[in-house]
């Protein structure tokens, strides 16, 4: 179930250091009951990585909580773009040209959405995202040619390496490309992300426990 005490502790840590950071409660693979409990405690931003699971959990909840904000935080298949646009407001994992072009097929659904470009900050073959040295060109392509509403960059550092160095690199890429928002930091490394001015931290296990 939702750990409100831990949620409060993290909020207090953010305020103590005078940072402006929003928490995305990663509710994927957790039951709807846990989401409802989090909502009752004031949480309004959630992250899911499967379209159908998100629809099952959130469609009815949007009617009760109209200020609820849902972020897509997984690898999105192009054939799921239309259905994803019908429920998610923010897409944190725009990671390739083909996916970017797919969003353009649904202009009426895409116009009010926000996008984060996923950067493969550790250059890992097992992870999605544009390589750091290709980020500038991809950002320009998405903004200037496709006219997508790119608001930020997102990354997942290698588990065995210092998150701090990777977060600093993402911050550098953002500054160089006039990008204002950063989605970085999860349950194990959110402290480093907060201190390096993350806009969003994505917290799952620390708030909901181990996934079912």
C-alpha atoms as a PDB file:
ATOM      1  CA  UNK A   1       0.000   0.000   0.000  1.00  0.00           C
ATOM      2  CA  UNK A   2       0.982   3.641  -0.268  1.00  0.00           C
ATOM      3  CA  UNK A   3       3.599   4.847   2.236  1.00  0.00           C
ATOM      4  CA  UNK A   4       2.392   8.354   3.082  1.00  0.00           C
ATOM      5  CA  UNK A   5       4.986   8.808   5.837  1.00  0.00           C
ATOM      6  CA  UNK A   6       7.813   8.297   3.343  1.00  0.00           C
ATOM      7  CA  UNK A   7       6.084  10.600   0.843  1.00  0.00           C
ATOM      8  CA  UNK A   8       5.960  13.332   3.495  1.00  0.00           C
ATOM      9  CA  UNK A   9       9.616  12.778   4.407  1.00  0.00           C
ATOM     10  CA  UNK A  10      10.692  13.256   0.794  1.00  0.00           C
ATOM     11  CA  UNK A  11       8.529  16.362   0.450  1.00  0.00           C
ATOM     12  CA  UNK A  12      10.136  17.739   3.623  1.00  0.00           C
ATOM     13  CA  UNK A  13      13.613  17.006   2.222  1.00  0.00           C
ATOM     14  CA  UNK A  14      12.751  18.908  -0.972  1.00  0.00           C
ATOM     15  CA  UNK A  15      11.439  21.903   0.981  1.00  0.00           C
ATOM     16  CA  UNK A  16      14.409  21.868   3.381  1.00  0.00           C
ATOM     17  CA  UNK A  17      16.780  22.330   0.447  1.00  0.00           C
ATOM     18  CA  UNK A  18      14.524  24.933  -1.170  1.00  0.00           C
ATOM     19  CA  UNK A  19      14.077  22.954  -4.352  1.00  0.00           C
ATOM     20  CA  UNK A  20      11.046  22.858  -6.618  1.00  0.00           C
ATOM     21  CA  UNK A  21      10.628  19.181  -7.459  1.00  0.00           C
ATOM     22  CA  UNK A  22       7.468  17.250  -8.253  1.00  0.00           C
ATOM     23  CA  UNK A  23       7.092  13.611  -7.307  1.00  0.00           C
ATOM     24  CA  UNK A  24       5.760  11.192  -9.927  1.00  0.00           C
ATOM     25  CA  UNK A  25       4.299   8.261  -8.006  1.00  0.00           C
ATOM     26  CA  UNK A  26       5.162   5.259 -10.186  1.00  0.00           C
ATOM     27  CA  UNK A  27       2.109   3.076  -9.732  1.00  0.00           C
ATOM     28  CA  UNK A  28       2.770   0.517 -12.477  1.00  0.00           C
ATOM     29  CA  UNK A  29       2.147  -3.069 -11.365  1.00  0.00           C
ATOM     30  CA  UNK A  30       0.457  -1.827  -8.202  1.00  0.00           C
ATOM     31  CA  UNK A  31      -3.293  -2.206  -7.577  1.00  0.00           C
ATOM     32  CA  UNK A  32      -5.877   0.510  -8.051  1.00  0.00           C
ATOM     33  CA  UNK A  33      -6.459   0.489  -4.278  1.00  0.00           C
ATOM     34  CA  UNK A  34      -2.912   1.780  -3.737  1.00  0.00           C
ATOM     35  CA  UNK A  35      -3.527   4.578  -6.234  1.00  0.00           C
ATOM     36  CA  UNK A  36      -6.757   5.546  -4.476  1.00  0.00           C
ATOM     37  CA  UNK A  37      -4.958   5.624  -1.133  1.00  0.00           C
ATOM     38  CA  UNK A  38      -2.279   7.906  -2.611  1.00  0.00           C
ATOM     39  CA  UNK A  39      -4.960  10.175  -4.092  1.00  0.00           C
ATOM     40  CA  UNK A  40      -6.628  10.473  -0.696  1.00  0.00           C
ATOM     41  CA  UNK A  41      -3.290  11.694   0.670  1.00  0.00           C
ATOM     42  CA  UNK A  42      -3.064  14.438  -1.935  1.00  0.00           C
ATOM     43  CA  UNK A  43      -0.898  12.785  -4.608  1.00  0.00           C
ATOM     44  CA  UNK A  44      -1.936  13.906  -8.092  1.00  0.00           C
ATOM     45  CA  UNK A  45       0.931  12.877 -10.400  1.00  0.00           C
ATOM     46  CA  UNK A  46       1.310   9.208 -11.331  1.00  0.00           C
ATOM     47  CA  UNK A  47       3.452   7.219 -13.746  1.00  0.00           C
ATOM     48  CA  UNK A  48       2.466   4.110 -15.669  1.00  0.00           C
ATOM     49  CA  UNK A  49       4.197   2.152 -18.434  1.00  0.00           C
ATOM     50  CA  UNK A  50       1.362   0.092 -19.907  1.00  0.00           C
ATOM     51  CA  UNK A  51      -1.556   1.693 -21.697  1.00  0.00           C
ATOM     52  CA  UNK A  52      -4.184  -0.915 -20.872  1.00  0.00           C
ATOM     53  CA  UNK A  53      -3.208  -1.135 -17.207  1.00  0.00           C
ATOM     54  CA  UNK A  54      -3.365   2.646 -16.953  1.00  0.00           C
ATOM     55  CA  UNK A  55      -6.821   2.773 -18.527  1.00  0.00           C
ATOM     56  CA  UNK A  56      -8.110   0.083 -16.167  1.00  0.00           C
ATOM     57  CA  UNK A  57      -6.891   1.991 -13.124  1.00  0.00           C
ATOM     58  CA  UNK A  58      -7.351   5.637 -14.039  1.00  0.00           C
ATOM     59  CA  UNK A  59     -10.270   6.239 -16.436  1.00  0.00           C
ATOM     60  CA  UNK A  60     -12.844   6.322 -13.632  1.00  0.00           C
ATOM     61  CA  UNK A  61     -10.489   8.174 -11.280  1.00  0.00           C
ATOM     62  CA  UNK A  62     -10.129  11.083 -13.735  1.00  0.00           C
ATOM     63  CA  UNK A  63     -13.848  11.804 -13.234  1.00  0.00           C
ATOM     64  CA  UNK A  64     -13.376  12.049  -9.474  1.00  0.00           C
ATOM     65  CA  UNK A  65      -9.980  13.810  -9.583  1.00  0.00           C
ATOM     66  CA  UNK A  66      -9.938  16.112 -12.644  1.00  0.00           C
ATOM     67  CA  UNK A  67      -6.536  17.573 -11.687  1.00  0.00           C
ATOM     68  CA  UNK A  68      -4.915  14.147 -11.814  1.00  0.00           C
ATOM     69  CA  UNK A  69      -1.828  14.054 -14.108  1.00  0.00           C
ATOM     70  CA  UNK A  70      -0.694  10.817 -15.721  1.00  0.00           C
ATOM     71  CA  UNK A  71       2.819  10.331 -17.116  1.00  0.00           C
ATOM     72  CA  UNK A  72       3.832   7.563 -19.507  1.00  0.00           C
ATOM     73  CA  UNK A  73       7.185   6.285 -18.226  1.00  0.00           C
ATOM     74  CA  UNK A  74       7.862   3.117 -20.223  1.00  0.00           C
ATOM     75  CA  UNK A  75       8.884   2.073 -23.715  1.00  0.00           C
ATOM     76  CA  UNK A  76       5.980   3.049 -25.972  1.00  0.00           C
ATOM     77  CA  UNK A  77       5.224   0.955 -29.046  1.00  0.00           C
ATOM     78  CA  UNK A  78       4.085   2.950 -32.064  1.00  0.00           C
ATOM     79  CA  UNK A  79       0.872   0.918 -32.405  1.00  0.00           C
ATOM     80  CA  UNK A  80      -0.130   2.037 -28.894  1.00  0.00           C
ATOM     81  CA  UNK A  81       0.348   5.779 -29.482  1.00  0.00           C
ATOM     82  CA  UNK A  82      -3.279   6.643 -30.252  1.00  0.00           C
ATOM     83  CA  UNK A  83      -4.680   4.812 -27.238  1.00  0.00           C
ATOM     84  CA  UNK A  84      -1.928   6.258 -25.018  1.00  0.00           C
ATOM     85  CA  UNK A  85      -2.807   9.797 -26.124  1.00  0.00           C
ATOM     86  CA  UNK A  86      -6.358   9.224 -24.905  1.00  0.00           C
ATOM     87  CA  UNK A  87      -5.313   8.905 -21.258  1.00  0.00           C
ATOM     88  CA  UNK A  88      -1.771  10.264 -20.678  1.00  0.00           C
ATOM     89  CA  UNK A  89      -0.981  13.978 -20.464  1.00  0.00           C
ATOM     90  CA  UNK A  90       2.818  13.679 -20.318  1.00  0.00           C
ATOM     91  CA  UNK A  91       5.140  11.357 -22.237  1.00  0.00           C
ATOM     92  CA  UNK A  92       8.517  10.966 -20.558  1.00  0.00           C
ATOM     93  CA  UNK A  93      10.061   8.483 -22.956  1.00  0.00           C
ATOM     94  CA  UNK A  94      10.218   9.965 -26.442  1.00  0.00           C
ATOM     95  CA  UNK A  95      13.232   7.970 -27.562  1.00  0.00           C
ATOM     96  CA  UNK A  96      13.307   7.649 -31.357  1.00  0.00           C
ATOM     97  CA  UNK A  97      12.349   9.353 -34.613  1.00  0.00           C
ATOM     98  CA  UNK A  98       9.752   6.772 -35.608  1.00  0.00           C
ATOM     99  CA  UNK A  99       7.852   7.296 -32.365  1.00  0.00           C
ATOM    100  CA  UNK A 100       8.035  11.084 -32.713  1.00  0.00           C
ATOM    101  CA  UNK A 101       6.559  10.867 -36.220  1.00  0.00           C
ATOM    102  CA  UNK A 102       3.770   8.598 -35.002  1.00  0.00           C
ATOM    103  CA  UNK A 103       2.505  11.302 -32.635  1.00  0.00           C
ATOM    104  CA  UNK A 104       2.059  13.625 -35.627  1.00  0.00           C
ATOM    105  CA  UNK A 105      -0.607  11.307 -37.046  1.00  0.00           C
ATOM    106  CA  UNK A 106      -2.964  12.415 -34.257  1.00  0.00           C
ATOM    107  CA  UNK A 107      -2.657  16.225 -34.117  1.00  0.00           C
ATOM    108  CA  UNK A 108      -5.928  16.775 -32.270  1.00  0.00           C
ATOM    109  CA  UNK A 109      -4.830  14.418 -29.495  1.00  0.00           C
ATOM    110  CA  UNK A 110      -1.203  15.554 -29.409  1.00  0.00           C
ATOM    111  CA  UNK A 111      -1.591  19.333 -29.332  1.00  0.00           C
ATOM    112  CA  UNK A 112      -1.974  19.659 -25.539  1.00  0.00           C
ATOM    113  CA  UNK A 113       0.522  16.958 -24.525  1.00  0.00           C
ATOM    114  CA  UNK A 114       3.976  17.442 -23.008  1.00  0.00           C
ATOM    115  CA  UNK A 115       7.022  15.446 -24.069  1.00  0.00           C
ATOM    116  CA  UNK A 116      10.341  14.569 -22.466  1.00  0.00           C
ATOM    117  CA  UNK A 117      13.109  13.226 -24.679  1.00  0.00           C
ATOM    118  CA  UNK A 118      14.719  10.163 -23.165  1.00  0.00           C
ATOM    119  CA  UNK A 119      18.515  10.343 -23.265  1.00  0.00           C
ATOM    120  CA  UNK A 120      20.467   7.080 -22.984  1.00  0.00           C
ATOM    121  CA  UNK A 121      22.812   8.835 -20.603  1.00  0.00           C
ATOM    122  CA  UNK A 122      24.972   5.774 -19.875  1.00  0.00           C
ATOM    123  CA  UNK A 123      25.092   4.609 -23.512  1.00  0.00           C
ATOM    124  CA  UNK A 124      23.671   1.217 -22.504  1.00  0.00           C
ATOM    125  CA  UNK A 125      22.585  -1.227 -25.201  1.00  0.00           C
ATOM    126  CA  UNK A 126      19.863  -2.543 -22.892  1.00  0.00           C
ATOM    127  CA  UNK A 127      18.144   0.842 -22.599  1.00  0.00           C
ATOM    128  CA  UNK A 128      16.195   3.065 -24.959  1.00  0.00           C
ATOM    129  CA  UNK A 129      16.908   6.708 -25.646  1.00  0.00           C
ATOM    130  CA  UNK A 130      18.985   8.922 -27.878  1.00  0.00           C
ATOM    131  CA  UNK A 131      22.725   8.959 -27.273  1.00  0.00           C
ATOM    132  CA  UNK A 132      24.062  12.060 -25.488  1.00  0.00           C
ATOM    133  CA  UNK A 133      26.038  13.163 -28.566  1.00  0.00           C
ATOM    134  CA  UNK A 134      22.888  12.895 -30.708  1.00  0.00           C
ATOM    135  CA  UNK A 135      20.577  14.674 -28.277  1.00  0.00           C
ATOM    136  CA  UNK A 136      21.061  18.146 -29.756  1.00  0.00           C
ATOM    137  CA  UNK A 137      20.052  17.093 -33.269  1.00  0.00           C
ATOM    138  CA  UNK A 138      17.082  15.066 -32.031  1.00  0.00           C
ATOM    139  CA  UNK A 139      15.826  17.906 -29.833  1.00  0.00           C
ATOM    140  CA  UNK A 140      16.042  20.335 -32.760  1.00  0.00           C
ATOM    141  CA  UNK A 141      14.301  17.856 -35.058  1.00  0.00           C
ATOM    142  CA  UNK A 142      11.400  17.335 -32.637  1.00  0.00           C
ATOM    143  CA  UNK A 143      11.024  21.038 -31.837  1.00  0.00           C
ATOM    144  CA  UNK A 144      11.644  22.698 -35.197  1.00  0.00           C
ATOM    145  CA  UNK A 145      10.521  20.139 -37.772  1.00  0.00           C
ATOM    146  CA  UNK A 146       7.860  18.146 -35.946  1.00  0.00           C
ATOM    147  CA  UNK A 147       6.781  21.028 -33.684  1.00  0.00           C
ATOM    148  CA  UNK A 148       6.232  18.741 -30.713  1.00  0.00           C
ATOM    149  CA  UNK A 149       5.899  20.324 -27.284  1.00  0.00           C
ATOM    150  CA  UNK A 150       9.273  19.241 -25.894  1.00  0.00           C
ATOM    151  CA  UNK A 151       9.434  20.440 -22.290  1.00  0.00           C
ATOM    152  CA  UNK A 152      12.216  18.335 -20.818  1.00  0.00           C
ATOM    153  CA  UNK A 153      14.786  15.549 -20.827  1.00  0.00           C
ATOM    154  CA  UNK A 154      14.603  12.245 -18.991  1.00  0.00           C
ATOM    155  CA  UNK A 155      17.232   9.632 -18.099  1.00  0.00           C
ATOM    156  CA  UNK A 156      17.903   6.401 -16.207  1.00  0.00           C
ATOM    157  CA  UNK A 157      21.591   6.121 -15.228  1.00  0.00           C
ATOM    158  CA  UNK A 158      23.408   2.760 -15.156  1.00  0.00           C
ATOM    159  CA  UNK A 159      22.788   0.974 -11.874  1.00  0.00           C
ATOM    160  CA  UNK A 160      26.472   0.308 -11.184  1.00  0.00           C
ATOM    161  CA  UNK A 161      27.674   3.867 -11.793  1.00  0.00           C
ATOM    162  CA  UNK A 162      27.400   7.194  -9.997  1.00  0.00           C
ATOM    163  CA  UNK A 163      24.023   8.723 -10.741  1.00  0.00           C
ATOM    164  CA  UNK A 164      25.360  12.141  -9.850  1.00  0.00           C
ATOM    165  CA  UNK A 165      27.712  12.272 -12.848  1.00  0.00           C
ATOM    166  CA  UNK A 166      24.962  11.221 -15.244  1.00  0.00           C
ATOM    167  CA  UNK A 167      22.460  13.687 -13.800  1.00  0.00           C
ATOM    168  CA  UNK A 168      25.028  16.458 -14.200  1.00  0.00           C
ATOM    169  CA  UNK A 169      25.509  15.493 -17.851  1.00  0.00           C
ATOM    170  CA  UNK A 170      21.752  15.532 -18.481  1.00  0.00           C
ATOM    171  CA  UNK A 171      21.567  18.962 -16.862  1.00  0.00           C
ATOM    172  CA  UNK A 172      24.386  20.167 -19.140  1.00  0.00           C
ATOM    173  CA  UNK A 173      22.615  18.888 -22.272  1.00  0.00           C
ATOM    174  CA  UNK A 174      19.397  20.600 -21.148  1.00  0.00           C
ATOM    175  CA  UNK A 175      21.106  23.954 -20.578  1.00  0.00           C
ATOM    176  CA  UNK A 176      22.880  23.795 -23.944  1.00  0.00           C
ATOM    177  CA  UNK A 177      19.543  23.207 -25.696  1.00  0.00           C
ATOM    178  CA  UNK A 178      17.361  25.624 -23.712  1.00  0.00           C
ATOM    179  CA  UNK A 179      15.385  22.800 -22.122  1.00  0.00           C
ATOM    180  CA  UNK A 180      13.926  23.717 -18.735  1.00  0.00           C
ATOM    181  CA  UNK A 181      12.720  20.479 -17.175  1.00  0.00           C
ATOM    182  CA  UNK A 182      14.525  17.339 -16.047  1.00  0.00           C
ATOM    183  CA  UNK A 183      12.985  14.013 -15.087  1.00  0.00           C
ATOM    184  CA  UNK A 184      15.688  12.129 -13.210  1.00  0.00           C
ATOM    185  CA  UNK A 185      16.056  10.222  -9.990  1.00  0.00           C
ATOM    186  CA  UNK A 186      14.229   7.157  -8.703  1.00  0.00           C
ATOM    187  CA  UNK A 187      13.847   5.457  -5.332  1.00  0.00           C
ATOM    188  CA  UNK A 188      17.576   4.714  -5.005  1.00  0.00           C
ATOM    189  CA  UNK A 189      19.023   8.026  -6.193  1.00  0.00           C
ATOM    190  CA  UNK A 190      16.391  10.738  -5.800  1.00  0.00           C
ATOM    191  CA  UNK A 191      18.535  12.654  -3.295  1.00  0.00           C
ATOM    192  CA  UNK A 192      21.234  13.286  -5.914  1.00  0.00           C
ATOM    193  CA  UNK A 193      18.562  14.235  -8.462  1.00  0.00           C
ATOM    194  CA  UNK A 194      16.928  16.749  -6.123  1.00  0.00           C
ATOM    195  CA  UNK A 195      20.259  18.385  -5.354  1.00  0.00           C
ATOM    196  CA  UNK A 196      20.999  18.674  -9.086  1.00  0.00           C
ATOM    197  CA  UNK A 197      17.701  20.476  -9.705  1.00  0.00           C
ATOM    198  CA  UNK A 198      15.468  17.750 -11.085  1.00  0.00           C
ATOM    199  CA  UNK A 199      11.983  18.933 -12.014  1.00  0.00           C
ATOM    200  CA  UNK A 200      10.457  15.486 -11.509  1.00  0.00           C
ATOM    201  CA  UNK A 201      11.639  12.469  -9.532  1.00  0.00           C
ATOM    202  CA  UNK A 202      10.033   9.113 -10.325  1.00  0.00           C
ATOM    203  CA  UNK A 203       9.350   7.121  -7.167  1.00  0.00           C
ATOM    204  CA  UNK A 204       7.846   3.653  -7.150  1.00  0.00           C
ATOM    205  CA  UNK A 205       9.271   1.109  -4.695  1.00  0.00           C
ATOM    206  CA  UNK A 206       9.952   3.653  -1.942  1.00  0.00           C
ATOM    207  CA  UNK A 207       6.268   4.720  -1.994  1.00  0.00           C
ATOM    208  CA  UNK A 208       4.401   1.544  -2.928  1.00  0.00           C
ATOM    209  CA  UNK A 209       6.753  -1.268  -1.886  1.00  0.00           C
ATOM    210  CA  UNK A 210       7.973  -4.066  -4.137  1.00  0.00           C
ATOM    211  CA  UNK A 211       5.927  -4.599  -7.286  1.00  0.00           C
ATOM    212  CA  UNK A 212       3.479  -7.447  -7.384  1.00  0.00           C
END
